[in-house]
C-alpha atoms as a PDB file:
ATOM      1  CA  UNK A   1     112.802  81.548 104.770  1.00  0.00           C
ATOM      2  CA  UNK A   2     111.586  83.856 107.565  1.00  0.00           C
ATOM      3  CA  UNK A   3     108.053  84.288 107.914  1.00  0.00           C
ATOM      4  CA  UNK A   4     108.791  86.698 111.032  1.00  0.00           C
ATOM      5  CA  UNK A   5     109.870  89.706 108.007  1.00  0.00           C
ATOM      6  CA  UNK A   6     106.744  91.666 107.290  1.00  0.00           C
ATOM      7  CA  UNK A   7     106.074  92.879 103.807  1.00  0.00           C
ATOM      8  CA  UNK A   8     103.202  95.030 102.978  1.00  0.00           C
ATOM      9  CA  UNK A   9     101.326  95.987  99.794  1.00  0.00           C
ATOM     10  CA  UNK A  10      98.838  98.674  98.958  1.00  0.00           C
ATOM     11  CA  UNK A  11      95.783  97.363  97.349  1.00  0.00           C
ATOM     12  CA  UNK A  12      94.453 100.024  94.812  1.00  0.00           C
ATOM     13  CA  UNK A  13      96.618  99.878  91.880  1.00  0.00           C
ATOM     14  CA  UNK A  14      98.919  97.662  93.385  1.00  0.00           C
ATOM     15  CA  UNK A  15      97.909  94.460  94.949  1.00  0.00           C
ATOM     16  CA  UNK A  16      94.656  94.789  92.578  1.00  0.00           C
ATOM     17  CA  UNK A  17      96.988  93.953  89.568  1.00  0.00           C
ATOM     18  CA  UNK A  18      97.433  90.527  88.720  1.00  0.00           C
ATOM     19  CA  UNK A  19     101.350  90.721  87.995  1.00  0.00           C
ATOM     20  CA  UNK A  20     101.661  92.066  91.841  1.00  0.00           C
ATOM     21  CA  UNK A  21      99.151  89.131  92.979  1.00  0.00           C
ATOM     22  CA  UNK A  22     101.576  86.546  90.835  1.00  0.00           C
ATOM     23  CA  UNK A  23     104.945  88.299  92.834  1.00  0.00           C
ATOM     24  CA  UNK A  24     103.146  88.010  96.100  1.00  0.00           C
ATOM     25  CA  UNK A  25     102.568  84.272  95.591  1.00  0.00           C
ATOM     26  CA  UNK A  26     106.319  83.972  95.181  1.00  0.00           C
ATOM     27  CA  UNK A  27     106.781  85.959  98.255  1.00  0.00           C
ATOM     28  CA  UNK A  28     104.150  84.245 100.359  1.00  0.00           C
ATOM     29  CA  UNK A  29     106.231  81.128 101.705  1.00  0.00           C
ATOM     30  CA  UNK A  30     109.085  83.347 102.719  1.00  0.00           C
ATOM     31  CA  UNK A  31     107.831  86.654 104.272  1.00  0.00           C
ATOM     32  CA  UNK A  32     104.675  87.516 106.542  1.00  0.00           C
ATOM     33  CA  UNK A  33     102.608  89.407 104.141  1.00  0.00           C
ATOM     34  CA  UNK A  34     100.146  92.483 105.015  1.00  0.00           C
ATOM     35  CA  UNK A  35      97.763  94.630 103.365  1.00  0.00           C
ATOM     36  CA  UNK A  36      98.145  98.133 104.278  1.00  0.00           C
ATOM     37  CA  UNK A  37      95.505 100.373 102.419  1.00  0.00           C
ATOM     38  CA  UNK A  38      93.961 103.948 102.870  1.00  0.00           C
ATOM     39  CA  UNK A  39      90.486 102.653 101.979  1.00  0.00           C
ATOM     40  CA  UNK A  40      87.870 103.336 104.490  1.00  0.00           C
ATOM     41  CA  UNK A  41      86.845  99.882 106.419  1.00  0.00           C
ATOM     42  CA  UNK A  42      83.248 100.557 106.313  1.00  0.00           C
ATOM     43  CA  UNK A  43      82.778 100.442 102.654  1.00  0.00           C
ATOM     44  CA  UNK A  44      82.200  97.552 100.447  1.00  0.00           C
ATOM     45  CA  UNK A  45      85.942  95.754 100.159  1.00  0.00           C
ATOM     46  CA  UNK A  46      84.802  92.607  98.766  1.00  0.00           C
ATOM     47  CA  UNK A  47      87.197  92.797  95.808  1.00  0.00           C
ATOM     48  CA  UNK A  48      90.055  93.308  98.738  1.00  0.00           C
ATOM     49  CA  UNK A  49      88.831  90.535 100.628  1.00  0.00           C
ATOM     50  CA  UNK A  50      88.577  88.270  97.695  1.00  0.00           C
ATOM     51  CA  UNK A  51      92.336  89.076  96.846  1.00  0.00           C
ATOM     52  CA  UNK A  52      93.447  88.515 100.200  1.00  0.00           C
ATOM     53  CA  UNK A  53      91.510  85.167 100.732  1.00  0.00           C
ATOM     54  CA  UNK A  54      93.024  83.639  97.152  1.00  0.00           C
ATOM     55  CA  UNK A  55      96.579  84.848  98.172  1.00  0.00           C
ATOM     56  CA  UNK A  56      95.759  83.652 101.815  1.00  0.00           C
ATOM     57  CA  UNK A  57      96.787  86.988 103.346  1.00  0.00           C
ATOM     58  CA  UNK A  58      95.371  87.277 106.978  1.00  0.00           C
ATOM     59  CA  UNK A  59      96.662  90.774 107.784  1.00  0.00           C
ATOM     60  CA  UNK A  60      94.792  93.776 106.743  1.00  0.00           C
ATOM     61  CA  UNK A  61      94.863  97.111 108.053  1.00  0.00           C
ATOM     62  CA  UNK A  62      92.576  99.953 106.929  1.00  0.00           C
ATOM     63  CA  UNK A  63      94.110 103.334 107.656  1.00  0.00           C
ATOM     64  CA  UNK A  64      90.591 105.042 106.871  1.00  0.00           C
ATOM     65  CA  UNK A  65      92.028 107.881 104.582  1.00  0.00           C
ATOM     66  CA  UNK A  66      94.759 108.569 107.094  1.00  0.00           C
ATOM     67  CA  UNK A  67      98.482 108.408 105.756  1.00  0.00           C
ATOM     68  CA  UNK A  68      99.947 104.778 105.771  1.00  0.00           C
ATOM     69  CA  UNK A  69     103.249 106.310 106.857  1.00  0.00           C
ATOM     70  CA  UNK A  70     101.714 107.037 110.189  1.00  0.00           C
ATOM     71  CA  UNK A  71     100.723 103.452 110.668  1.00  0.00           C
ATOM     72  CA  UNK A  72     104.229 102.195 109.589  1.00  0.00           C
ATOM     73  CA  UNK A  73     105.813 104.527 112.275  1.00  0.00           C
ATOM     74  CA  UNK A  74     107.572 102.427 114.789  1.00  0.00           C
ATOM     75  CA  UNK A  75     106.554  99.167 113.089  1.00  0.00           C
ATOM     76  CA  UNK A  76     108.868  96.611 111.807  1.00  0.00           C
ATOM     77  CA  UNK A  77     108.287  96.024 107.973  1.00  0.00           C
ATOM     78  CA  UNK A  78     111.073  95.225 105.556  1.00  0.00           C
ATOM     79  CA  UNK A  79     109.039  97.269 102.829  1.00  0.00           C
ATOM     80  CA  UNK A  80     106.010  98.414 101.508  1.00  0.00           C
ATOM     81  CA  UNK A  81     104.876  98.261  98.011  1.00  0.00           C
ATOM     82  CA  UNK A  82     102.740 101.030  97.104  1.00  0.00           C
ATOM     83  CA  UNK A  83     101.869 103.097  93.569  1.00  0.00           C
ATOM     84  CA  UNK A  84     101.945 106.170  95.329  1.00  0.00           C
ATOM     85  CA  UNK A  85     104.814 107.687  97.227  1.00  0.00           C
ATOM     86  CA  UNK A  86     104.363 109.012 100.663  1.00  0.00           C
ATOM     87  CA  UNK A  87     107.481 111.319 101.754  1.00  0.00           C
END
């Protein structure tokens, strides 16, 4: 177990799915789990916060419609799970 290794998940159409939430529950004791979403921080994100609370995810990043790869540049994440490819 290495909680210093960061793994992130998109929310919409990824972590919002129950099957992915179950996967995260398996990973939660092994990795530092993050949510990185392109959602706007200023909108109602109650659904996202509810899932984050349920899964005990404390690290949430809103890129506010910017490409997520900009956030990840020069960051030390093992991987990011997303339904949308960013090349």
